Amino acid sequence: MSALISLLLSTVAVLVAAYILPGVHVSGFLTALVVAVIFGIINAFIFPLLLILTLPINILTLGLFTFVIMALLVLGVSAIVPGFQVDGFWWAMAFALVLAIINSFVHAIE
């Protein structure tokens, strides 16, 4: 049951982030649910691998390259999911930051 609640909270976080940022467009609740599921899967499997592969540049930039990785993953999700559109790299980075802030706030309450 906790996984279902977490998924619904992530879906609401995607909707809120898309509502806040004018460069991110989500066509509806079902699209936001699909975005939350795919983004969760990508964060669980691909993101750690990318962090390990880019460790030298991440150390060189004091961890700021992690934001670039997150923005590229958001752009990847927008390419996969129909109905989810991000207008550019900077909007993807802003979406990733807002989504991370909302998720950390929600999971701190949970």
PDB file of N, CA and C in Angstrom:
ATOM      1  N   MET A   1       0.817  -1.191   0.000  1.00  0.00           N
ATOM      2  CA  MET A   1       0.000   0.000   0.000  1.00  0.00           C
ATOM      3  C   MET A   1       0.866   1.262   0.000  1.00  0.00           C
ATOM      4  N   SER A   2       2.003   1.219   0.656  1.00  0.00           N
ATOM      5  CA  SER A   2       2.893   2.361   0.719  1.00  0.00           C
ATOM      6  C   SER A   2       3.452   2.713  -0.662  1.00  0.00           C
ATOM      7  N   ALA A   3       3.701   1.710  -1.480  1.00  0.00           N
ATOM      8  CA  ALA A   3       4.212   1.968  -2.828  1.00  0.00           C
ATOM      9  C   ALA A   3       3.156   2.673  -3.680  1.00  0.00           C
ATOM     10  N   LEU A   4       1.899   2.306  -3.494  1.00  0.00           N
ATOM     11  CA  LEU A   4       0.815   2.947  -4.240  1.00  0.00           C
ATOM     12  C   LEU A   4       0.659   4.411  -3.822  1.00  0.00           C
ATOM     13  N   ILE A   5       0.758   4.672  -2.533  1.00  0.00           N
ATOM     14  CA  ILE A   5       0.672   6.048  -2.046  1.00  0.00           C
ATOM     15  C   ILE A   5       1.855   6.872  -2.547  1.00  0.00           C
ATOM     16  N   SER A   6       3.038   6.279  -2.531  1.00  0.00           N
ATOM     17  CA  SER A   6       4.227   6.956  -3.030  1.00  0.00           C
ATOM     18  C   SER A   6       4.098   7.275  -4.516  1.00  0.00           C
ATOM     19  N   LEU A   7       3.538   6.349  -5.272  1.00  0.00           N
ATOM     20  CA  LEU A   7       3.329   6.568  -6.699  1.00  0.00           C
ATOM     21  C   LEU A   7       2.331   7.699  -6.942  1.00  0.00           C
ATOM     22  N   LEU A   8       1.257   7.709  -6.182  1.00  0.00           N
ATOM     23  CA  LEU A   8       0.267   8.779  -6.337  1.00  0.00           C
ATOM     24  C   LEU A   8       0.837  10.133  -5.930  1.00  0.00           C
ATOM     25  N   LEU A   9       1.656  10.156  -4.884  1.00  0.00           N
ATOM     26  CA  LEU A   9       2.294  11.407  -4.473  1.00  0.00           C
ATOM     27  C   LEU A   9       3.290  11.894  -5.525  1.00  0.00           C
ATOM     28  N   SER A  10       4.009  10.964  -6.140  1.00  0.00           N
ATOM     29  CA  SER A  10       4.928  11.339  -7.216  1.00  0.00           C
ATOM     30  C   SER A  10       4.157  11.871  -8.426  1.00  0.00           C
ATOM     31  N   THR A  11       3.017  11.286  -8.690  1.00  0.00           N
ATOM     32  CA  THR A  11       2.174  11.755  -9.793  1.00  0.00           C
ATOM     33  C   THR A  11       1.696  13.177  -9.531  1.00  0.00           C
ATOM     34  N   VAL A  12       1.258  13.431  -8.311  1.00  0.00           N
ATOM     35  CA  VAL A  12       0.821  14.786  -7.957  1.00  0.00           C
ATOM     36  C   VAL A  12       2.007  15.751  -8.032  1.00  0.00           C
ATOM     37  N   ALA A  13       3.194  15.290  -7.637  1.00  0.00           N
ATOM     38  CA  ALA A  13       4.392  16.132  -7.725  1.00  0.00           C
ATOM     39  C   ALA A  13       4.696  16.497  -9.175  1.00  0.00           C
ATOM     40  N   VAL A  14       4.523  15.550 -10.087  1.00  0.00           N
ATOM     41  CA  VAL A  14       4.725  15.837 -11.517  1.00  0.00           C
ATOM     42  C   VAL A  14       3.708  16.874 -11.991  1.00  0.00           C
ATOM     43  N   LEU A  15       2.452  16.712 -11.579  1.00  0.00           N
ATOM     44  CA  LEU A  15       1.423  17.676 -11.979  1.00  0.00           C
ATOM     45  C   LEU A  15       1.694  19.064 -11.417  1.00  0.00           C
ATOM     46  N   VAL A  16       2.123  19.137 -10.158  1.00  0.00           N
ATOM     47  CA  VAL A  16       2.413  20.435  -9.537  1.00  0.00           C
ATOM     48  C   VAL A  16       3.608  21.091 -10.216  1.00  0.00           C
ATOM     49  N   ALA A  17       4.657  20.306 -10.473  1.00  0.00           N
ATOM     50  CA  ALA A  17       5.842  20.860 -11.134  1.00  0.00           C
ATOM     51  C   ALA A  17       5.502  21.354 -12.534  1.00  0.00           C
ATOM     52  N   ALA A  18       4.667  20.622 -13.246  1.00  0.00           N
ATOM     53  CA  ALA A  18       4.258  21.052 -14.587  1.00  0.00           C
ATOM     54  C   ALA A  18       3.372  22.291 -14.515  1.00  0.00           C
ATOM     55  N   TYR A  19       2.596  22.414 -13.450  1.00  0.00           N
ATOM     56  CA  TYR A  19       1.741  23.590 -13.292  1.00  0.00           C
ATOM     57  C   TYR A  19       2.576  24.831 -12.973  1.00  0.00           C
ATOM     58  N   ILE A  20       3.626  24.654 -12.183  1.00  0.00           N
ATOM     59  CA  ILE A  20       4.478  25.775 -11.781  1.00  0.00           C
ATOM     60  C   ILE A  20       5.326  26.273 -12.953  1.00  0.00           C
ATOM     61  N   LEU A  21       5.854  25.349 -13.746  1.00  0.00           N
ATOM     62  CA  LEU A  21       6.789  25.708 -14.815  1.00  0.00           C
ATOM     63  C   LEU A  21       6.059  25.837 -16.154  1.00  0.00           C
ATOM     64  N   PRO A  22       6.111  27.001 -16.783  1.00  0.00           N
ATOM     65  CA  PRO A  22       5.397  27.180 -18.048  1.00  0.00           C
ATOM     66  C   PRO A  22       6.034  26.445 -19.229  1.00  0.00           C
ATOM     67  N   GLY A  23       7.267  25.967 -19.104  1.00  0.00           N
ATOM     68  CA  GLY A  23       7.919  25.263 -20.201  1.00  0.00           C
ATOM     69  C   GLY A  23       7.726  23.754 -20.163  1.00  0.00           C
ATOM     70  N   VAL A  24       6.931  23.278 -19.205  1.00  0.00           N
ATOM     71  CA  VAL A  24       6.667  21.841 -19.077  1.00  0.00           C
ATOM     72  C   VAL A  24       5.169  21.634 -19.209  1.00  0.00           C
ATOM     73  N   HIS A  25       4.783  20.687 -20.075  1.00  0.00           N
ATOM     74  CA  HIS A  25       3.368  20.460 -20.360  1.00  0.00           C
ATOM     75  C   HIS A  25       3.022  18.987 -20.131  1.00  0.00           C
ATOM     76  N   VAL A  26       1.983  18.751 -19.331  1.00  0.00           N
ATOM     77  CA  VAL A  26       1.461  17.409 -19.089  1.00  0.00           C
ATOM     78  C   VAL A  26      -0.003  17.438 -19.490  1.00  0.00           C
ATOM     79  N   SER A  27      -0.413  16.476 -20.317  1.00  0.00           N
ATOM     80  CA  SER A  27      -1.772  16.529 -20.858  1.00  0.00           C
ATOM     81  C   SER A  27      -2.841  16.091 -19.870  1.00  0.00           C
ATOM     82  N   GLY A  28      -2.484  15.357 -18.815  1.00  0.00           N
ATOM     83  CA  GLY A  28      -3.504  14.934 -17.865  1.00  0.00           C
ATOM     84  C   GLY A  28      -2.935  14.078 -16.753  1.00  0.00           C
ATOM     85  N   PHE A  29      -3.835  13.602 -15.908  1.00  0.00           N
ATOM     86  CA  PHE A  29      -3.424  12.812 -14.753  1.00  0.00           C
ATOM     87  C   PHE A  29      -2.788  11.486 -15.171  1.00  0.00           C
ATOM     88  N   LEU A  30      -3.366  10.822 -16.172  1.00  0.00           N
ATOM     89  CA  LEU A  30      -2.823   9.538 -16.623  1.00  0.00           C
ATOM     90  C   LEU A  30      -1.422   9.707 -17.197  1.00  0.00           C
ATOM     91  N   THR A  31      -1.200  10.772 -17.922  1.00  0.00           N
ATOM     92  CA  THR A  31       0.138  11.053 -18.452  1.00  0.00           C
ATOM     93  C   THR A  31       1.120  11.311 -17.319  1.00  0.00           C
ATOM     94  N   ALA A  32       0.682  12.048 -16.306  1.00  0.00           N
ATOM     95  CA  ALA A  32       1.542  12.309 -15.152  1.00  0.00           C
ATOM     96  C   ALA A  32       1.857  11.017 -14.404  1.00  0.00           C
ATOM     97  N   LEU A  33       0.900  10.104 -14.350  1.00  0.00           N
ATOM     98  CA  LEU A  33       1.133   8.803 -13.717  1.00  0.00           C
ATOM     99  C   LEU A  33       2.180   8.003 -14.484  1.00  0.00           C
ATOM    100  N   VAL A  34       2.078   7.999 -15.798  1.00  0.00           N
ATOM    101  CA  VAL A  34       3.060   7.300 -16.630  1.00  0.00           C
ATOM    102  C   VAL A  34       4.433   7.943 -16.487  1.00  0.00           C
ATOM    103  N   VAL A  35       4.483   9.276 -16.444  1.00  0.00           N
ATOM    104  CA  VAL A  35       5.758   9.984 -16.257  1.00  0.00           C
ATOM    105  C   VAL A  35       6.369   9.607 -14.914  1.00  0.00           C
ATOM    106  N   ALA A  36       5.554   9.562 -13.867  1.00  0.00           N
ATOM    107  CA  ALA A  36       6.061   9.209 -12.539  1.00  0.00           C
ATOM    108  C   ALA A  36       6.605   7.786 -12.511  1.00  0.00           C
ATOM    109  N   VAL A  37       5.919   6.857 -13.168  1.00  0.00           N
ATOM    110  CA  VAL A  37       6.379   5.464 -13.197  1.00  0.00           C
ATOM    111  C   VAL A  37       7.680   5.347 -13.974  1.00  0.00           C
ATOM    112  N   ILE A  38       7.732   5.921 -15.168  1.00  0.00           N
ATOM    113  CA  ILE A  38       8.936   5.800 -15.995  1.00  0.00           C
ATOM    114  C   ILE A  38      10.106   6.543 -15.367  1.00  0.00           C
ATOM    115  N   PHE A  39       9.846   7.722 -14.806  1.00  0.00           N
ATOM    116  CA  PHE A  39      10.914   8.473 -14.154  1.00  0.00           C
ATOM    117  C   PHE A  39      11.426   7.720 -12.925  1.00  0.00           C
ATOM    118  N   GLY A  40      10.538   7.057 -12.207  1.00  0.00           N
ATOM    119  CA  GLY A  40      10.954   6.241 -11.068  1.00  0.00           C
ATOM    120  C   GLY A  40      11.814   5.062 -11.492  1.00  0.00           C
ATOM    121  N   ILE A  41      11.439   4.398 -12.575  1.00  0.00           N
ATOM    122  CA  ILE A  41      12.228   3.269 -13.090  1.00  0.00           C
ATOM    123  C   ILE A  41      13.590   3.747 -13.564  1.00  0.00           C
ATOM    124  N   ILE A  42      13.617   4.866 -14.280  1.00  0.00           N
ATOM    125  CA  ILE A  42      14.889   5.409 -14.761  1.00  0.00           C
ATOM    126  C   ILE A  42      15.774   5.822 -13.593  1.00  0.00           C
ATOM    127  N   ASN A  43      15.179   6.445 -12.565  1.00  0.00           N
ATOM    128  CA  ASN A  43      15.969   6.841 -11.396  1.00  0.00           C
ATOM    129  C   ASN A  43      16.487   5.641 -10.620  1.00  0.00           C
ATOM    130  N   ALA A  44      15.783   4.536 -10.683  1.00  0.00           N
ATOM    131  CA  ALA A  44      16.218   3.349  -9.949  1.00  0.00           C
ATOM    132  C   ALA A  44      17.327   2.589 -10.673  1.00  0.00           C
ATOM    133  N   PHE A  45      17.299   2.559 -11.998  1.00  0.00           N
ATOM    134  CA  PHE A  45      18.238   1.710 -12.730  1.00  0.00           C
ATOM    135  C   PHE A  45      19.287   2.476 -13.544  1.00  0.00           C
ATOM    136  N   ILE A  46      18.882   3.481 -14.287  1.00  0.00           N
ATOM    137  CA  ILE A  46      19.801   4.159 -15.198  1.00  0.00           C
ATOM    138  C   ILE A  46      20.592   5.261 -14.500  1.00  0.00           C
ATOM    139  N   PHE A  47      19.948   6.021 -13.610  1.00  0.00           N
ATOM    140  CA  PHE A  47      20.605   7.134 -12.946  1.00  0.00           C
ATOM    141  C   PHE A  47      21.855   6.722 -12.162  1.00  0.00           C
ATOM    142  N   PRO A  48      21.809   5.652 -11.357  1.00  0.00           N
ATOM    143  CA  PRO A  48      23.046   5.256 -10.653  1.00  0.00           C
ATOM    144  C   PRO A  48      24.175   4.863 -11.605  1.00  0.00           C
ATOM    145  N   LEU A  49      23.829   4.214 -12.699  1.00  0.00           N
ATOM    146  CA  LEU A  49      24.833   3.830 -13.687  1.00  0.00           C
ATOM    147  C   LEU A  49      25.470   5.064 -14.320  1.00  0.00           C
ATOM    148  N   LEU A  50      24.649   6.050 -14.647  1.00  0.00           N
ATOM    149  CA  LEU A  50      25.177   7.284 -15.220  1.00  0.00           C
ATOM    150  C   LEU A  50      26.036   8.054 -14.222  1.00  0.00           C
ATOM    151  N   LEU A  51      25.667   8.012 -12.951  1.00  0.00           N
ATOM    152  CA  LEU A  51      26.490   8.673 -11.937  1.00  0.00           C
ATOM    153  C   LEU A  51      27.862   8.027 -11.829  1.00  0.00           C
ATOM    154  N   ILE A  52      27.913   6.718 -11.909  1.00  0.00           N
ATOM    155  CA  ILE A  52      29.201   6.017 -11.837  1.00  0.00           C
ATOM    156  C   ILE A  52      30.040   6.314 -13.078  1.00  0.00           C
ATOM    157  N   LEU A  53      29.397   6.321 -14.247  1.00  0.00           N
ATOM    158  CA  LEU A  53      30.136   6.564 -15.486  1.00  0.00           C
ATOM    159  C   LEU A  53      30.666   7.999 -15.582  1.00  0.00           C
ATOM    160  N   THR A  54      29.949   8.940 -14.970  1.00  0.00           N
ATOM    161  CA  THR A  54      30.372  10.338 -15.047  1.00  0.00           C
ATOM    162  C   THR A  54      31.009  10.813 -13.740  1.00  0.00           C
ATOM    163  N   LEU A  55      31.492   9.894 -12.947  1.00  0.00           N
ATOM    164  CA  LEU A  55      32.069  10.248 -11.653  1.00  0.00           C
ATOM    165  C   LEU A  55      33.229  11.236 -11.753  1.00  0.00           C
ATOM    166  N   PRO A  56      34.166  11.083 -12.695  1.00  0.00           N
ATOM    167  CA  PRO A  56      35.262  12.060 -12.756  1.00  0.00           C
ATOM    168  C   PRO A  56      34.792  13.495 -13.013  1.00  0.00           C
ATOM    169  N   ILE A  57      33.885  13.679 -13.965  1.00  0.00           N
ATOM    170  CA  ILE A  57      33.413  15.041 -14.241  1.00  0.00           C
ATOM    171  C   ILE A  57      32.517  15.535 -13.104  1.00  0.00           C
ATOM    172  N   ASN A  58      31.839  14.616 -12.446  1.00  0.00           N
ATOM    173  CA  ASN A  58      31.008  14.991 -11.307  1.00  0.00           C
ATOM    174  C   ASN A  58      31.872  15.467 -10.136  1.00  0.00           C
ATOM    175  N   ILE A  59      32.989  14.816  -9.921  1.00  0.00           N
ATOM    176  CA  ILE A  59      33.919  15.253  -8.875  1.00  0.00           C
ATOM    177  C   ILE A  59      34.529  16.591  -9.253  1.00  0.00           C
ATOM    178  N   LEU A  60      34.890  16.747 -10.522  1.00  0.00           N
ATOM    179  CA  LEU A  60      35.493  17.989 -10.997  1.00  0.00           C
ATOM    180  C   LEU A  60      34.553  19.183 -10.840  1.00  0.00           C
ATOM    181  N   THR A  61      33.247  18.958 -11.044  1.00  0.00           N
ATOM    182  CA  THR A  61      32.272  20.044 -10.939  1.00  0.00           C
ATOM    183  C   THR A  61      31.617  20.090  -9.563  1.00  0.00           C
ATOM    184  N   LEU A  62      32.163  19.355  -8.615  1.00  0.00           N
ATOM    185  CA  LEU A  62      31.650  19.312  -7.238  1.00  0.00           C
ATOM    186  C   LEU A  62      30.187  18.880  -7.168  1.00  0.00           C
ATOM    187  N   GLY A  63      29.811  17.966  -8.030  1.00  0.00           N
ATOM    188  CA  GLY A  63      28.471  17.394  -8.014  1.00  0.00           C
ATOM    189  C   GLY A  63      27.443  18.127  -8.847  1.00  0.00           C
ATOM    190  N   LEU A  64      27.800  19.245  -9.442  1.00  0.00           N
ATOM    191  CA  LEU A  64      26.827  20.008 -10.223  1.00  0.00           C
ATOM    192  C   LEU A  64      26.452  19.321 -11.532  1.00  0.00           C
ATOM    193  N   PHE A  65      27.309  18.426 -12.014  1.00  0.00           N
ATOM    194  CA  PHE A  65      26.988  17.707 -13.249  1.00  0.00           C
ATOM    195  C   PHE A  65      25.804  16.770 -13.049  1.00  0.00           C
ATOM    196  N   THR A  66      25.480  16.461 -11.804  1.00  0.00           N
ATOM    197  CA  THR A  66      24.312  15.634 -11.509  1.00  0.00           C
ATOM    198  C   THR A  66      23.042  16.300 -12.025  1.00  0.00           C
ATOM    199  N   PHE A  67      22.982  17.629 -11.954  1.00  0.00           N
ATOM    200  CA  PHE A  67      21.815  18.340 -12.470  1.00  0.00           C
ATOM    201  C   PHE A  67      21.698  18.198 -13.981  1.00  0.00           C
ATOM    202  N   VAL A  68      22.825  18.162 -14.664  1.00  0.00           N
ATOM    203  CA  VAL A  68      22.818  17.965 -16.117  1.00  0.00           C
ATOM    204  C   VAL A  68      22.288  16.563 -16.440  1.00  0.00           C
ATOM    205  N   ILE A  69      22.727  15.573 -15.676  1.00  0.00           N
ATOM    206  CA  ILE A  69      22.248  14.203 -15.882  1.00  0.00           C
ATOM    207  C   ILE A  69      20.742  14.132 -15.671  1.00  0.00           C
ATOM    208  N   MET A  70      20.260  14.762 -14.602  1.00  0.00           N
ATOM    209  CA  MET A  70      18.820  14.746 -14.324  1.00  0.00           C
ATOM    210  C   MET A  70      18.030  15.426 -15.444  1.00  0.00           C
ATOM    211  N   ALA A  71      18.548  16.541 -15.959  1.00  0.00           N
ATOM    212  CA  ALA A  71      17.863  17.232 -17.054  1.00  0.00           C
ATOM    213  C   ALA A  71      17.818  16.357 -18.301  1.00  0.00           C
ATOM    214  N   LEU A  72      18.902  15.664 -18.593  1.00  0.00           N
ATOM    215  CA  LEU A  72      18.915  14.770 -19.757  1.00  0.00           C
ATOM    216  C   LEU A  72      17.941  13.608 -19.575  1.00  0.00           C
ATOM    217  N   LEU A  73      17.808  13.114 -18.345  1.00  0.00           N
ATOM    218  CA  LEU A  73      16.844  12.042 -18.087  1.00  0.00           C
ATOM    219  C   LEU A  73      15.409  12.548 -18.246  1.00  0.00           C
ATOM    220  N   VAL A  74      15.147  13.773 -17.830  1.00  0.00           N
ATOM    221  CA  VAL A  74      13.811  14.353 -18.014  1.00  0.00           C
ATOM    222  C   VAL A  74      13.520  14.508 -19.506  1.00  0.00           C
ATOM    223  N   LEU A  75      14.505  14.958 -20.269  1.00  0.00           N
ATOM    224  CA  LEU A  75      14.315  15.061 -21.721  1.00  0.00           C
ATOM    225  C   LEU A  75      14.079  13.685 -22.342  1.00  0.00           C
ATOM    226  N   GLY A  76      14.752  12.676 -21.825  1.00  0.00           N
ATOM    227  CA  GLY A  76      14.529  11.314 -22.301  1.00  0.00           C
ATOM    228  C   GLY A  76      13.121  10.833 -22.012  1.00  0.00           C
ATOM    229  N   VAL A  77      12.632  11.119 -20.816  1.00  0.00           N
ATOM    230  CA  VAL A  77      11.264  10.736 -20.474  1.00  0.00           C
ATOM    231  C   VAL A  77      10.269  11.486 -21.356  1.00  0.00           C
ATOM    232  N   SER A  78      10.549  12.752 -21.647  1.00  0.00           N
ATOM    233  CA  SER A  78       9.626  13.505 -22.506  1.00  0.00           C
ATOM    234  C   SER A  78       9.629  12.966 -23.933  1.00  0.00           C
ATOM    235  N   ALA A  79      10.728  12.365 -24.350  1.00  0.00           N
ATOM    236  CA  ALA A  79      10.769  11.750 -25.682  1.00  0.00           C
ATOM    237  C   ALA A  79       9.997  10.429 -25.712  1.00  0.00           C
ATOM    238  N   ILE A  80       9.915   9.762 -24.570  1.00  0.00           N
ATOM    239  CA  ILE A  80       9.260   8.455 -24.496  1.00  0.00           C
ATOM    240  C   ILE A  80       7.754   8.575 -24.307  1.00  0.00           C
ATOM    241  N   VAL A  81       7.327   9.477 -23.432  1.00  0.00           N
ATOM    242  CA  VAL A  81       5.922   9.558 -23.027  1.00  0.00           C
ATOM    243  C   VAL A  81       5.172  10.574 -23.893  1.00  0.00           C
ATOM    244  N   PRO A  82       4.168  10.122 -24.620  1.00  0.00           N
ATOM    245  CA  PRO A  82       3.348  11.081 -25.371  1.00  0.00           C
ATOM    246  C   PRO A  82       2.465  11.870 -24.402  1.00  0.00           C
ATOM    247  N   GLY A  83       2.333  13.154 -24.658  1.00  0.00           N
ATOM    248  CA  GLY A  83       1.539  14.000 -23.788  1.00  0.00           C
ATOM    249  C   GLY A  83       2.367  14.711 -22.726  1.00  0.00           C
ATOM    250  N   PHE A  84       3.657  14.381 -22.655  1.00  0.00           N
ATOM    251  CA  PHE A  84       4.571  15.052 -21.733  1.00  0.00           C
ATOM    252  C   PHE A  84       5.619  15.751 -22.572  1.00  0.00           C
ATOM    253  N   GLN A  85       5.618  17.078 -22.510  1.00  0.00           N
ATOM    254  CA  GLN A  85       6.508  17.862 -23.358  1.00  0.00           C
ATOM    255  C   GLN A  85       7.305  18.836 -22.506  1.00  0.00           C
ATOM    256  N   VAL A  86       8.611  18.873 -22.758  1.00  0.00           N
ATOM    257  CA  VAL A  86       9.496  19.832 -22.111  1.00  0.00           C
ATOM    258  C   VAL A  86      10.090  20.690 -23.223  1.00  0.00           C
ATOM    259  N   ASP A  87      10.033  22.010 -23.053  1.00  0.00           N
ATOM    260  CA  ASP A  87      10.410  22.930 -24.131  1.00  0.00           C
ATOM    261  C   ASP A  87      11.903  23.066 -24.364  1.00  0.00           C
ATOM    262  N   GLY A  88      12.738  22.600 -23.448  1.00  0.00           N
ATOM    263  CA  GLY A  88      14.178  22.715 -23.661  1.00  0.00           C
ATOM    264  C   GLY A  88      14.963  22.187 -22.476  1.00  0.00           C
ATOM    265  N   PHE A  89      16.282  22.267 -22.626  1.00  0.00           N
ATOM    266  CA  PHE A  89      17.178  21.726 -21.599  1.00  0.00           C
ATOM    267  C   PHE A  89      16.994  22.441 -20.263  1.00  0.00           C
ATOM    268  N   TRP A  90      16.899  23.766 -20.281  1.00  0.00           N
ATOM    269  CA  TRP A  90      16.791  24.515 -19.029  1.00  0.00           C
ATOM    270  C   TRP A  90      15.469  24.265 -18.332  1.00  0.00           C
ATOM    271  N   TRP A  91      14.407  24.087 -19.109  1.00  0.00           N
ATOM    272  CA  TRP A  91      13.121  23.731 -18.500  1.00  0.00           C
ATOM    273  C   TRP A  91      13.188  22.330 -17.911  1.00  0.00           C
ATOM    274  N   ALA A  92      13.921  21.433 -18.566  1.00  0.00           N
ATOM    275  CA  ALA A  92      14.087  20.080 -18.018  1.00  0.00           C
ATOM    276  C   ALA A  92      14.862  20.121 -16.707  1.00  0.00           C
ATOM    277  N   MET A  93      15.885  20.977 -16.654  1.00  0.00           N
ATOM    278  CA  MET A  93      16.647  21.104 -15.413  1.00  0.00           C
ATOM    279  C   MET A  93      15.781  21.708 -14.314  1.00  0.00           C
ATOM    280  N   ALA A  94      15.006  22.711 -14.649  1.00  0.00           N
ATOM    281  CA  ALA A  94      14.110  23.324 -13.662  1.00  0.00           C
ATOM    282  C   ALA A  94      13.069  22.321 -13.189  1.00  0.00           C
ATOM    283  N   PHE A  95      12.530  21.521 -14.115  1.00  0.00           N
ATOM    284  CA  PHE A  95      11.545  20.494 -13.754  1.00  0.00           C
ATOM    285  C   PHE A  95      12.157  19.470 -12.810  1.00  0.00           C
ATOM    286  N   ALA A  96      13.369  19.042 -13.101  1.00  0.00           N
ATOM    287  CA  ALA A  96      14.039  18.064 -12.233  1.00  0.00           C
ATOM    288  C   ALA A  96      14.267  18.639 -10.841  1.00  0.00           C
ATOM    289  N   LEU A  97      14.662  19.898 -10.762  1.00  0.00           N
ATOM    290  CA  LEU A  97      14.885  20.530  -9.462  1.00  0.00           C
ATOM    291  C   LEU A  97      13.584  20.693  -8.679  1.00  0.00           C
ATOM    292  N   VAL A  98      12.546  21.175  -9.338  1.00  0.00           N
ATOM    293  CA  VAL A  98      11.256  21.356  -8.663  1.00  0.00           C
ATOM    294  C   VAL A  98      10.694  20.010  -8.229  1.00  0.00           C
ATOM    295  N   LEU A  99      10.815  19.012  -9.081  1.00  0.00           N
ATOM    296  CA  LEU A  99      10.324  17.674  -8.744  1.00  0.00           C
ATOM    297  C   LEU A  99      11.091  17.091  -7.557  1.00  0.00           C
ATOM    298  N   ALA A 100      12.394  17.297  -7.517  1.00  0.00           N
ATOM    299  CA  ALA A 100      13.193  16.804  -6.396  1.00  0.00           C
ATOM    300  C   ALA A 100      12.819  17.516  -5.104  1.00  0.00           C
ATOM    301  N   ILE A 101      12.589  18.809  -5.176  1.00  0.00           N
ATOM    302  CA  ILE A 101      12.213  19.568  -3.981  1.00  0.00           C
ATOM    303  C   ILE A 101      10.843  19.123  -3.475  1.00  0.00           C
ATOM    304  N   ILE A 102       9.884  18.979  -4.379  1.00  0.00           N
ATOM    305  CA  ILE A 102       8.539  18.550  -3.981  1.00  0.00           C
ATOM    306  C   ILE A 102       8.578  17.139  -3.404  1.00  0.00           C
ATOM    307  N   ASN A 103       9.296  16.229  -4.076  1.00  0.00           N
ATOM    308  CA  ASN A 103       9.375  14.851  -3.585  1.00  0.00           C
ATOM    309  C   ASN A 103      10.062  14.763  -2.229  1.00  0.00           C
ATOM    310  N   SER A 104      11.118  15.537  -2.021  1.00  0.00           N
ATOM    311  CA  SER A 104      11.792  15.484  -0.723  1.00  0.00           C
ATOM    312  C   SER A 104      10.892  16.039   0.377  1.00  0.00           C
ATOM    313  N   PHE A 105      10.123  17.078   0.064  1.00  0.00           N
ATOM    314  CA  PHE A 105       9.192  17.634   1.031  1.00  0.00           C
ATOM    315  C   PHE A 105       8.084  16.637   1.355  1.00  0.00           C
ATOM    316  N   VAL A 106       7.538  16.001   0.333  1.00  0.00           N
ATOM    317  CA  VAL A 106       6.437  15.044   0.524  1.00  0.00           C
ATOM    318  C   VAL A 106       6.925  13.811   1.295  1.00  0.00           C
ATOM    319  N   HIS A 107       8.105  13.316   0.964  1.00  0.00           N
ATOM    320  CA  HIS A 107       8.591  12.118   1.637  1.00  0.00           C
ATOM    321  C   HIS A 107       9.084  12.424   3.050  1.00  0.00           C
ATOM    322  N   ALA A 108       9.396  13.672   3.339  1.00  0.00           N
ATOM    323  CA  ALA A 108       9.751  14.040   4.712  1.00  0.00           C
ATOM    324  C   ALA A 108       8.506  14.030   5.602  1.00  0.00           C
ATOM    325  N   ILE A 109       7.377  14.397   5.024  1.00  0.00           N
ATOM    326  CA  ILE A 109       6.117  14.384   5.763  1.00  0.00           C
ATOM    327  C   ILE A 109       5.630  12.953   5.959  1.00  0.00           C
ATOM    328  N   GLU A 110       5.820  12.122   4.952  1.00  0.00           N
ATOM    329  CA  GLU A 110       5.311  10.752   4.923  1.00  0.00           C
ATOM    330  C   GLU A 110       5.836   9.895   6.036  1.00  0.00           C
TER     331      GLU A 110
END
